[in-house]
Amino acid sequence: MNSQWRKSTRSGGNGRCVEARYADHTAEVRDSKDKTGPVLAFDPAAWALFIQTIKIDA
């Protein structure tokens, strides 16, 4: 399991992005500007659906 926070390779480096990681069988997402703020957690099925949806809309 990789619990390191990662930014998208498409992030422009302007500080306006999210970070994601896999931890405890969930995908977690946070605001990169607020590293101690809230974290959204998704179960694997919800995360896969989210990723599939944004790929279709992109």
N, C-alpha and C. Protein backbone atom coordinates (compact mmCIF):
# COMPACT_ATOMS: atom_id res chain seq x y z
N MET A 1 0.85 -1.18 0.00
CA MET A 1 0.00 0.00 0.00
C MET A 1 0.89 1.25 0.00
N ASN A 2 0.54 2.20 -0.83
CA ASN A 2 1.29 3.45 -0.90
C ASN A 2 0.46 4.54 -0.24
N SER A 3 0.92 5.07 0.88
CA SER A 3 0.15 6.10 1.57
C SER A 3 0.76 7.49 1.39
N GLN A 4 1.61 7.65 0.40
CA GLN A 4 2.22 8.94 0.12
C GLN A 4 1.24 9.81 -0.67
N TRP A 5 1.09 11.07 -0.26
CA TRP A 5 0.24 12.00 -0.99
C TRP A 5 0.89 12.34 -2.32
N ARG A 6 0.07 12.40 -3.38
CA ARG A 6 0.58 12.71 -4.72
C ARG A 6 -0.29 13.76 -5.39
N LYS A 7 0.35 14.64 -6.13
CA LYS A 7 -0.36 15.61 -6.95
C LYS A 7 -0.42 15.09 -8.37
N SER A 8 -1.41 15.51 -9.11
CA SER A 8 -1.53 15.12 -10.50
C SER A 8 -0.33 15.61 -11.29
N THR A 9 0.08 14.81 -12.27
CA THR A 9 1.16 15.24 -13.16
C THR A 9 0.70 16.41 -14.03
N ARG A 10 -0.60 16.63 -14.09
CA ARG A 10 -1.15 17.76 -14.87
C ARG A 10 -1.31 19.01 -14.02
N SER A 11 -0.91 18.95 -12.79
CA SER A 11 -0.99 20.12 -11.92
C SER A 11 -0.05 21.20 -12.45
N GLY A 12 -0.54 22.41 -12.48
CA GLY A 12 0.26 23.50 -13.03
C GLY A 12 1.29 24.07 -12.07
N GLY A 13 1.36 23.59 -10.87
CA GLY A 13 2.32 24.12 -9.91
C GLY A 13 1.91 25.45 -9.31
N ASN A 14 0.65 25.83 -9.48
CA ASN A 14 0.19 27.11 -8.95
C ASN A 14 -0.41 26.98 -7.54
N GLY A 15 -0.37 25.77 -6.97
CA GLY A 15 -0.88 25.57 -5.63
C GLY A 15 -2.37 25.33 -5.57
N ARG A 16 -3.02 25.34 -6.69
CA ARG A 16 -4.47 25.12 -6.74
C ARG A 16 -4.76 23.73 -7.27
N CYS A 17 -4.53 22.77 -6.43
CA CYS A 17 -4.77 21.40 -6.85
C CYS A 17 -5.14 20.55 -5.64
N VAL A 18 -5.44 19.32 -5.92
CA VAL A 18 -5.72 18.37 -4.86
C VAL A 18 -4.60 17.33 -4.85
N GLU A 19 -4.49 16.65 -3.73
CA GLU A 19 -3.56 15.54 -3.60
C GLU A 19 -4.38 14.30 -3.29
N ALA A 20 -3.88 13.16 -3.72
CA ALA A 20 -4.58 11.91 -3.48
C ALA A 20 -3.60 10.84 -3.01
N ARG A 21 -4.14 9.86 -2.31
CA ARG A 21 -3.35 8.71 -1.88
C ARG A 21 -4.27 7.54 -1.64
N TYR A 22 -3.69 6.35 -1.58
CA TYR A 22 -4.41 5.15 -1.18
C TYR A 22 -3.97 4.80 0.23
N ALA A 23 -4.94 4.59 1.11
CA ALA A 23 -4.64 4.25 2.51
C ALA A 23 -5.80 3.47 3.09
N ASP A 24 -5.50 2.41 3.79
CA ASP A 24 -6.53 1.61 4.48
C ASP A 24 -7.69 1.24 3.56
N HIS A 25 -7.37 0.77 2.37
CA HIS A 25 -8.37 0.31 1.40
C HIS A 25 -9.33 1.41 0.96
N THR A 26 -8.86 2.64 1.00
CA THR A 26 -9.66 3.76 0.51
C THR A 26 -8.77 4.68 -0.32
N ALA A 27 -9.40 5.46 -1.17
CA ALA A 27 -8.71 6.53 -1.87
C ALA A 27 -9.04 7.81 -1.11
N GLU A 28 -8.04 8.58 -0.77
CA GLU A 28 -8.25 9.81 -0.01
C GLU A 28 -7.81 11.01 -0.83
N VAL A 29 -8.53 12.11 -0.69
CA VAL A 29 -8.26 13.33 -1.45
C VAL A 29 -8.28 14.51 -0.48
N ARG A 30 -7.33 15.44 -0.65
CA ARG A 30 -7.30 16.64 0.18
C ARG A 30 -6.87 17.84 -0.65
N ASP A 31 -7.12 19.01 -0.13
CA ASP A 31 -6.69 20.27 -0.74
C ASP A 31 -5.20 20.44 -0.47
N SER A 32 -4.42 20.65 -1.51
CA SER A 32 -2.97 20.74 -1.32
C SER A 32 -2.56 21.98 -0.53
N LYS A 33 -3.42 22.98 -0.46
CA LYS A 33 -3.10 24.20 0.30
C LYS A 33 -3.41 24.04 1.78
N ASP A 34 -4.17 23.02 2.15
CA ASP A 34 -4.61 22.84 3.54
C ASP A 34 -4.31 21.41 3.96
N LYS A 35 -3.05 21.11 4.14
CA LYS A 35 -2.61 19.74 4.42
C LYS A 35 -3.13 19.17 5.74
N THR A 36 -3.57 20.01 6.65
CA THR A 36 -4.13 19.51 7.91
C THR A 36 -5.65 19.59 7.92
N GLY A 37 -6.22 19.99 6.79
CA GLY A 37 -7.68 20.14 6.70
C GLY A 37 -8.37 18.82 6.45
N PRO A 38 -9.64 18.89 6.07
CA PRO A 38 -10.45 17.68 5.87
C PRO A 38 -9.95 16.83 4.71
N VAL A 39 -10.23 15.55 4.81
CA VAL A 39 -9.87 14.57 3.79
C VAL A 39 -11.14 13.84 3.37
N LEU A 40 -11.37 13.74 2.07
CA LEU A 40 -12.47 12.95 1.55
C LEU A 40 -11.96 11.54 1.31
N ALA A 41 -12.72 10.54 1.73
CA ALA A 41 -12.32 9.15 1.54
C ALA A 41 -13.37 8.42 0.72
N PHE A 42 -12.91 7.64 -0.26
CA PHE A 42 -13.79 6.90 -1.16
C PHE A 42 -13.45 5.42 -1.09
N ASP A 43 -14.49 4.57 -1.10
CA ASP A 43 -14.21 3.14 -1.19
C ASP A 43 -13.75 2.85 -2.63
N PRO A 44 -13.13 1.70 -2.87
CA PRO A 44 -12.56 1.43 -4.20
C PRO A 44 -13.57 1.55 -5.35
N ALA A 45 -14.79 1.09 -5.16
CA ALA A 45 -15.78 1.16 -6.24
C ALA A 45 -16.15 2.61 -6.56
N ALA A 46 -16.35 3.42 -5.54
CA ALA A 46 -16.70 4.83 -5.76
C ALA A 46 -15.55 5.58 -6.42
N TRP A 47 -14.32 5.29 -6.01
CA TRP A 47 -13.16 5.95 -6.60
C TRP A 47 -13.01 5.56 -8.07
N ALA A 48 -13.17 4.28 -8.37
CA ALA A 48 -13.06 3.82 -9.76
C ALA A 48 -14.12 4.48 -10.64
N LEU A 49 -15.34 4.60 -10.13
CA LEU A 49 -16.40 5.26 -10.88
C LEU A 49 -16.07 6.73 -11.10
N PHE A 50 -15.56 7.40 -10.08
CA PHE A 50 -15.17 8.80 -10.20
C PHE A 50 -14.11 8.97 -11.29
N ILE A 51 -13.06 8.16 -11.25
CA ILE A 51 -11.98 8.26 -12.23
C ILE A 51 -12.51 7.97 -13.64
N GLN A 52 -13.34 6.95 -13.77
CA GLN A 52 -13.92 6.62 -15.07
C GLN A 52 -14.75 7.80 -15.60
N THR A 53 -15.51 8.42 -14.74
CA THR A 53 -16.36 9.53 -15.15
C THR A 53 -15.55 10.74 -15.60
N ILE A 54 -14.50 11.08 -14.87
CA ILE A 54 -13.73 12.26 -15.28
C ILE A 54 -12.93 11.99 -16.56
N LYS A 55 -12.56 10.74 -16.81
CA LYS A 55 -11.87 10.42 -18.05
C LYS A 55 -12.82 10.58 -19.23
N ILE A 56 -14.07 10.22 -19.06
CA ILE A 56 -15.07 10.35 -20.12
C ILE A 56 -15.35 11.81 -20.39
N ASP A 57 -15.44 12.63 -19.34
CA ASP A 57 -15.76 14.05 -19.49
C ASP A 57 -14.59 14.89 -19.95
N ALA A 58 -13.38 14.36 -19.86
CA ALA A 58 -12.18 15.16 -20.21
C ALA A 58 -12.01 15.32 -21.70
